[in-house]
Amino acid sequence: MKQQSSTVVQITTECVEICSPPDAAIQGGHDMRKLIYAVLRIDNEWRVICERRHIGHFETQNQAIVLGAALVREALEAGCEAELLVLDRAGKLVGERFTPSPPHADGQPLDA
């Protein structure tokens, strides 16, 4: 196995900082930041790609998807929209979009 769990945590933290747009566009009072992560096979390994940066080197697609899901979760917690694209067996990218939970009256997310 090429990837260690402690490295995944470090990579996850670094990616959110790397991929977060420095100046988020504000439109209509809403923060319009959106992060897109893609799980792709490059050469003989799986990687997560964000903003043209390659994150991690994985032997299996499932390992890369786990990191991609963790990155999406962190993006949502930071108040960003996120999209996770995964290469399917036919070679097409299929994705799912996620939006952060709206805050409750006390400032906490509804699902907290």
N, C-alpha and C. Protein backbone atom coordinates (compact mmCIF):
# COMPACT_ATOMS: atom_id res chain seq x y z
N MET A 1 0.85 -1.17 0.00
CA MET A 1 0.00 0.00 0.00
C MET A 1 0.89 1.24 0.00
N LYS A 2 0.63 2.20 -0.86
CA LYS A 2 1.47 3.37 -1.01
C LYS A 2 1.11 4.49 -0.06
N GLN A 3 -0.13 4.55 0.43
CA GLN A 3 -0.61 5.69 1.19
C GLN A 3 -0.79 5.32 2.65
N GLN A 4 -0.28 6.13 3.57
CA GLN A 4 -0.43 5.93 5.00
C GLN A 4 -1.54 6.86 5.50
N SER A 5 -2.28 6.45 6.53
CA SER A 5 -3.39 7.26 7.00
C SER A 5 -2.94 8.61 7.54
N SER A 6 -1.78 8.69 8.21
CA SER A 6 -1.31 9.98 8.71
C SER A 6 -1.02 10.93 7.56
N THR A 7 -0.54 10.40 6.45
CA THR A 7 -0.29 11.22 5.27
C THR A 7 -1.60 11.72 4.69
N VAL A 8 -2.65 10.92 4.73
CA VAL A 8 -3.95 11.33 4.20
C VAL A 8 -4.46 12.54 4.97
N VAL A 9 -4.33 12.53 6.29
CA VAL A 9 -4.79 13.66 7.09
C VAL A 9 -4.02 14.92 6.70
N GLN A 10 -2.69 14.79 6.56
CA GLN A 10 -1.88 15.93 6.18
C GLN A 10 -2.27 16.43 4.80
N ILE A 11 -2.43 15.52 3.85
CA ILE A 11 -2.81 15.90 2.50
C ILE A 11 -4.18 16.56 2.51
N THR A 12 -5.12 16.03 3.28
CA THR A 12 -6.46 16.59 3.34
C THR A 12 -6.42 18.04 3.81
N THR A 13 -5.71 18.30 4.88
CA THR A 13 -5.62 19.66 5.41
C THR A 13 -4.97 20.59 4.39
N GLU A 14 -3.89 20.15 3.76
CA GLU A 14 -3.20 20.98 2.79
C GLU A 14 -4.08 21.26 1.57
N CYS A 15 -4.86 20.29 1.13
CA CYS A 15 -5.65 20.48 -0.08
C CYS A 15 -6.72 21.52 0.12
N VAL A 16 -7.38 21.52 1.26
CA VAL A 16 -8.42 22.52 1.48
C VAL A 16 -7.80 23.91 1.41
N GLU A 17 -6.58 24.07 1.95
CA GLU A 17 -5.92 25.36 1.88
C GLU A 17 -5.50 25.68 0.45
N ILE A 18 -4.98 24.69 -0.26
CA ILE A 18 -4.51 24.89 -1.63
C ILE A 18 -5.67 25.20 -2.56
N CYS A 19 -6.77 24.45 -2.42
CA CYS A 19 -7.86 24.53 -3.37
C CYS A 19 -8.87 25.62 -3.06
N SER A 20 -8.84 26.16 -1.87
CA SER A 20 -9.78 27.21 -1.54
C SER A 20 -9.44 28.47 -2.31
N PRO A 21 -10.40 29.02 -3.05
CA PRO A 21 -10.13 30.26 -3.77
C PRO A 21 -9.74 31.35 -2.79
N PRO A 22 -8.68 32.11 -3.06
CA PRO A 22 -8.22 33.12 -2.12
C PRO A 22 -9.25 34.21 -1.85
N ASP A 23 -9.95 34.66 -2.87
CA ASP A 23 -10.97 35.68 -2.72
C ASP A 23 -12.28 35.11 -3.24
N ALA A 24 -13.10 34.62 -2.32
CA ALA A 24 -14.36 34.02 -2.73
C ALA A 24 -15.28 35.09 -3.30
N ALA A 25 -15.97 34.73 -4.35
CA ALA A 25 -16.92 35.68 -4.96
C ALA A 25 -18.16 35.76 -4.09
N ILE A 26 -18.57 36.93 -3.78
CA ILE A 26 -19.78 37.14 -2.99
C ILE A 26 -20.84 37.71 -3.93
N GLN A 27 -21.95 36.99 -4.05
CA GLN A 27 -23.04 37.45 -4.91
C GLN A 27 -24.33 37.36 -4.13
N GLY A 28 -25.03 38.47 -4.02
CA GLY A 28 -26.30 38.46 -3.30
C GLY A 28 -26.16 38.10 -1.84
N GLY A 29 -24.98 38.40 -1.25
CA GLY A 29 -24.77 38.09 0.16
C GLY A 29 -24.38 36.65 0.42
N HIS A 30 -24.21 35.85 -0.64
CA HIS A 30 -23.85 34.44 -0.47
C HIS A 30 -22.44 34.21 -0.96
N ASP A 31 -21.70 33.41 -0.20
CA ASP A 31 -20.35 33.04 -0.56
C ASP A 31 -20.45 31.97 -1.66
N MET A 32 -19.88 32.23 -2.82
CA MET A 32 -20.05 31.35 -3.97
C MET A 32 -18.85 30.42 -4.20
N ARG A 33 -18.05 30.14 -3.16
CA ARG A 33 -16.91 29.25 -3.33
C ARG A 33 -17.39 27.85 -3.68
N LYS A 34 -16.71 27.22 -4.62
CA LYS A 34 -17.04 25.85 -5.00
C LYS A 34 -15.75 25.11 -5.30
N LEU A 35 -15.60 23.96 -4.67
CA LEU A 35 -14.42 23.14 -4.89
C LEU A 35 -14.83 21.90 -5.66
N ILE A 36 -14.04 21.55 -6.65
CA ILE A 36 -14.32 20.37 -7.46
C ILE A 36 -13.16 19.40 -7.31
N TYR A 37 -13.47 18.19 -6.89
CA TYR A 37 -12.48 17.13 -6.74
C TYR A 37 -12.80 16.04 -7.75
N ALA A 38 -11.78 15.48 -8.37
CA ALA A 38 -11.99 14.39 -9.34
C ALA A 38 -11.09 13.22 -8.96
N VAL A 39 -11.66 12.02 -8.98
CA VAL A 39 -10.90 10.79 -8.74
C VAL A 39 -10.62 10.18 -10.10
N LEU A 40 -9.33 10.17 -10.47
CA LEU A 40 -8.93 9.73 -11.81
C LEU A 40 -7.81 8.70 -11.73
N ARG A 41 -7.75 7.86 -12.75
CA ARG A 41 -6.64 6.91 -12.88
C ARG A 41 -5.61 7.56 -13.80
N ILE A 42 -4.40 7.72 -13.30
CA ILE A 42 -3.31 8.32 -14.06
C ILE A 42 -2.15 7.34 -14.02
N ASP A 43 -1.69 6.93 -15.20
CA ASP A 43 -0.69 5.87 -15.30
C ASP A 43 -1.22 4.64 -14.59
N ASN A 44 -0.52 4.15 -13.58
CA ASN A 44 -0.96 2.92 -12.90
C ASN A 44 -1.44 3.18 -11.48
N GLU A 45 -1.93 4.38 -11.22
CA GLU A 45 -2.40 4.68 -9.87
C GLU A 45 -3.61 5.60 -9.92
N TRP A 46 -4.31 5.66 -8.80
CA TRP A 46 -5.47 6.53 -8.65
C TRP A 46 -5.06 7.77 -7.90
N ARG A 47 -5.61 8.91 -8.29
CA ARG A 47 -5.30 10.18 -7.64
C ARG A 47 -6.57 11.00 -7.49
N VAL A 48 -6.52 11.93 -6.55
CA VAL A 48 -7.57 12.94 -6.41
C VAL A 48 -6.99 14.22 -6.98
N ILE A 49 -7.74 14.86 -7.88
CA ILE A 49 -7.28 16.09 -8.53
C ILE A 49 -8.17 17.24 -8.05
N CYS A 50 -7.54 18.36 -7.73
CA CYS A 50 -8.26 19.57 -7.34
C CYS A 50 -7.46 20.77 -7.83
N GLU A 51 -8.10 21.63 -8.61
CA GLU A 51 -7.43 22.82 -9.13
C GLU A 51 -6.09 22.48 -9.79
N ARG A 52 -6.10 21.47 -10.62
CA ARG A 52 -4.92 21.01 -11.36
C ARG A 52 -3.80 20.48 -10.47
N ARG A 53 -4.10 20.19 -9.22
CA ARG A 53 -3.11 19.62 -8.31
C ARG A 53 -3.46 18.16 -8.05
N HIS A 54 -2.45 17.31 -8.06
CA HIS A 54 -2.63 15.89 -7.81
C HIS A 54 -2.40 15.64 -6.33
N ILE A 55 -3.36 14.95 -5.70
CA ILE A 55 -3.31 14.71 -4.27
C ILE A 55 -3.31 13.21 -4.03
N GLY A 56 -2.24 12.69 -3.49
CA GLY A 56 -2.17 11.28 -3.12
C GLY A 56 -1.90 10.36 -4.30
N HIS A 57 -1.40 9.19 -3.95
CA HIS A 57 -1.12 8.13 -4.92
C HIS A 57 -1.71 6.86 -4.31
N PHE A 58 -2.73 6.31 -4.97
CA PHE A 58 -3.47 5.19 -4.40
C PHE A 58 -3.45 3.99 -5.34
N GLU A 59 -3.45 2.81 -4.75
CA GLU A 59 -3.48 1.58 -5.53
C GLU A 59 -4.88 1.26 -6.03
N THR A 60 -5.90 1.68 -5.27
CA THR A 60 -7.28 1.36 -5.68
C THR A 60 -8.12 2.63 -5.77
N GLN A 61 -9.17 2.54 -6.56
CA GLN A 61 -10.09 3.65 -6.70
C GLN A 61 -10.79 3.94 -5.37
N ASN A 62 -11.13 2.90 -4.63
CA ASN A 62 -11.82 3.10 -3.35
C ASN A 62 -11.00 3.93 -2.38
N GLN A 63 -9.69 3.71 -2.34
CA GLN A 63 -8.83 4.51 -1.46
C GLN A 63 -8.88 5.98 -1.84
N ALA A 64 -8.86 6.27 -3.14
CA ALA A 64 -8.92 7.65 -3.61
C ALA A 64 -10.28 8.26 -3.32
N ILE A 65 -11.35 7.49 -3.45
CA ILE A 65 -12.70 7.99 -3.17
C ILE A 65 -12.84 8.35 -1.70
N VAL A 66 -12.24 7.57 -0.81
CA VAL A 66 -12.29 7.87 0.63
C VAL A 66 -11.68 9.25 0.89
N LEU A 67 -10.53 9.53 0.28
CA LEU A 67 -9.92 10.85 0.46
C LEU A 67 -10.79 11.93 -0.17
N GLY A 68 -11.32 11.68 -1.37
CA GLY A 68 -12.19 12.65 -2.02
C GLY A 68 -13.40 12.98 -1.16
N ALA A 69 -13.99 11.98 -0.55
CA ALA A 69 -15.16 12.21 0.32
C ALA A 69 -14.77 13.02 1.55
N ALA A 70 -13.59 12.76 2.10
CA ALA A 70 -13.11 13.53 3.26
C ALA A 70 -12.89 14.99 2.87
N LEU A 71 -12.36 15.22 1.69
CA LEU A 71 -12.14 16.59 1.22
C LEU A 71 -13.46 17.32 1.01
N VAL A 72 -14.44 16.63 0.46
CA VAL A 72 -15.77 17.22 0.28
C VAL A 72 -16.37 17.59 1.64
N ARG A 73 -16.24 16.69 2.61
CA ARG A 73 -16.76 16.94 3.95
C ARG A 73 -16.11 18.19 4.56
N GLU A 74 -14.79 18.31 4.41
CA GLU A 74 -14.09 19.49 4.94
C GLU A 74 -14.53 20.77 4.22
N ALA A 75 -14.73 20.68 2.92
CA ALA A 75 -15.18 21.85 2.17
C ALA A 75 -16.55 22.30 2.66
N LEU A 76 -17.45 21.35 2.88
CA LEU A 76 -18.79 21.67 3.38
C LEU A 76 -18.72 22.30 4.76
N GLU A 77 -17.87 21.77 5.62
CA GLU A 77 -17.72 22.33 6.97
C GLU A 77 -17.18 23.76 6.92
N ALA A 78 -16.40 24.07 5.86
CA ALA A 78 -15.86 25.42 5.70
C ALA A 78 -16.85 26.35 5.00
N GLY A 79 -18.04 25.83 4.68
CA GLY A 79 -19.08 26.65 4.05
C GLY A 79 -19.00 26.72 2.54
N CYS A 80 -18.23 25.84 1.92
CA CYS A 80 -18.08 25.83 0.45
C CYS A 80 -19.01 24.79 -0.17
N GLU A 81 -19.42 25.05 -1.40
CA GLU A 81 -20.06 24.01 -2.19
C GLU A 81 -18.95 23.09 -2.68
N ALA A 82 -19.27 21.84 -2.93
CA ALA A 82 -18.26 20.90 -3.41
C ALA A 82 -18.88 19.93 -4.40
N GLU A 83 -18.04 19.44 -5.29
CA GLU A 83 -18.47 18.44 -6.26
C GLU A 83 -17.40 17.36 -6.29
N LEU A 84 -17.83 16.10 -6.27
CA LEU A 84 -16.92 14.97 -6.36
C LEU A 84 -17.20 14.23 -7.66
N LEU A 85 -16.21 14.19 -8.55
CA LEU A 85 -16.33 13.50 -9.82
C LEU A 85 -15.51 12.22 -9.74
N VAL A 86 -16.09 11.12 -10.23
CA VAL A 86 -15.42 9.82 -10.17
C VAL A 86 -15.47 9.19 -11.56
N LEU A 87 -14.36 8.63 -11.98
CA LEU A 87 -14.27 7.96 -13.27
C LEU A 87 -14.98 6.62 -13.16
N ASP A 88 -16.01 6.40 -14.02
CA ASP A 88 -16.74 5.13 -13.96
C ASP A 88 -16.07 4.09 -14.86
N ARG A 89 -16.62 2.88 -14.88
CA ARG A 89 -16.02 1.79 -15.66
C ARG A 89 -15.99 2.07 -17.15
N ALA A 90 -16.89 2.91 -17.63
CA ALA A 90 -16.94 3.24 -19.06
C ALA A 90 -15.97 4.38 -19.41
N GLY A 91 -15.30 4.92 -18.40
CA GLY A 91 -14.35 6.00 -18.65
C GLY A 91 -14.96 7.39 -18.63
N LYS A 92 -16.19 7.49 -18.14
CA LYS A 92 -16.86 8.79 -18.05
C LYS A 92 -16.80 9.30 -16.62
N LEU A 93 -16.71 10.62 -16.48
CA LEU A 93 -16.75 11.23 -15.16
C LEU A 93 -18.20 11.41 -14.74
N VAL A 94 -18.54 10.85 -13.61
CA VAL A 94 -19.87 11.04 -13.04
C VAL A 94 -19.68 11.74 -11.70
N GLY A 95 -20.58 12.66 -11.39
CA GLY A 95 -20.37 13.43 -10.18
C GLY A 95 -21.61 13.68 -9.39
N GLU A 96 -21.37 14.18 -8.20
CA GLU A 96 -22.45 14.57 -7.32
C GLU A 96 -22.06 15.89 -6.67
N ARG A 97 -23.01 16.82 -6.60
CA ARG A 97 -22.77 18.13 -5.99
C ARG A 97 -23.30 18.14 -4.58
N PHE A 98 -22.59 18.87 -3.73
CA PHE A 98 -22.96 18.98 -2.33
C PHE A 98 -22.98 20.45 -1.94
N THR A 99 -23.94 20.83 -1.12
CA THR A 99 -24.00 22.20 -0.61
C THR A 99 -23.97 22.15 0.91
N PRO A 100 -23.35 23.16 1.54
CA PRO A 100 -23.28 23.15 3.00
C PRO A 100 -24.66 23.33 3.62
N SER A 101 -24.82 22.81 4.82
CA SER A 101 -26.09 22.98 5.54
C SER A 101 -26.24 24.43 5.95
N PRO A 102 -27.46 24.98 5.85
CA PRO A 102 -27.66 26.37 6.30
C PRO A 102 -27.50 26.44 7.81
N PRO A 103 -26.99 27.56 8.32
CA PRO A 103 -26.83 27.68 9.77
C PRO A 103 -28.18 27.83 10.47
N HIS A 104 -28.23 27.36 11.68
CA HIS A 104 -29.40 27.50 12.54
C HIS A 104 -29.37 28.91 13.14
N ALA A 105 -30.40 29.32 13.80
CA ALA A 105 -30.49 30.68 14.37
C ALA A 105 -29.33 30.96 15.32
N ASP A 106 -28.79 29.92 16.00
CA ASP A 106 -27.68 30.13 16.95
C ASP A 106 -26.33 30.07 16.25
N GLY A 107 -26.34 29.99 14.90
CA GLY A 107 -25.09 29.97 14.13
C GLY A 107 -24.53 28.59 13.88
N GLN A 108 -25.13 27.56 14.48
CA GLN A 108 -24.67 26.20 14.28
C GLN A 108 -25.40 25.58 13.09
N PRO A 109 -24.73 24.69 12.32
CA PRO A 109 -25.43 24.02 11.22
C PRO A 109 -26.60 23.21 11.75
N LEU A 110 -27.63 23.06 10.91
CA LEU A 110 -28.82 22.31 11.33
C LEU A 110 -28.51 20.87 11.66
N ASP A 111 -27.51 20.28 10.98
CA ASP A 111 -27.21 18.87 11.21
C ASP A 111 -26.18 18.67 12.32
N ALA A 112 -25.81 19.72 13.05
CA ALA A 112 -24.80 19.59 14.13
C ALA A 112 -25.42 19.00 15.38
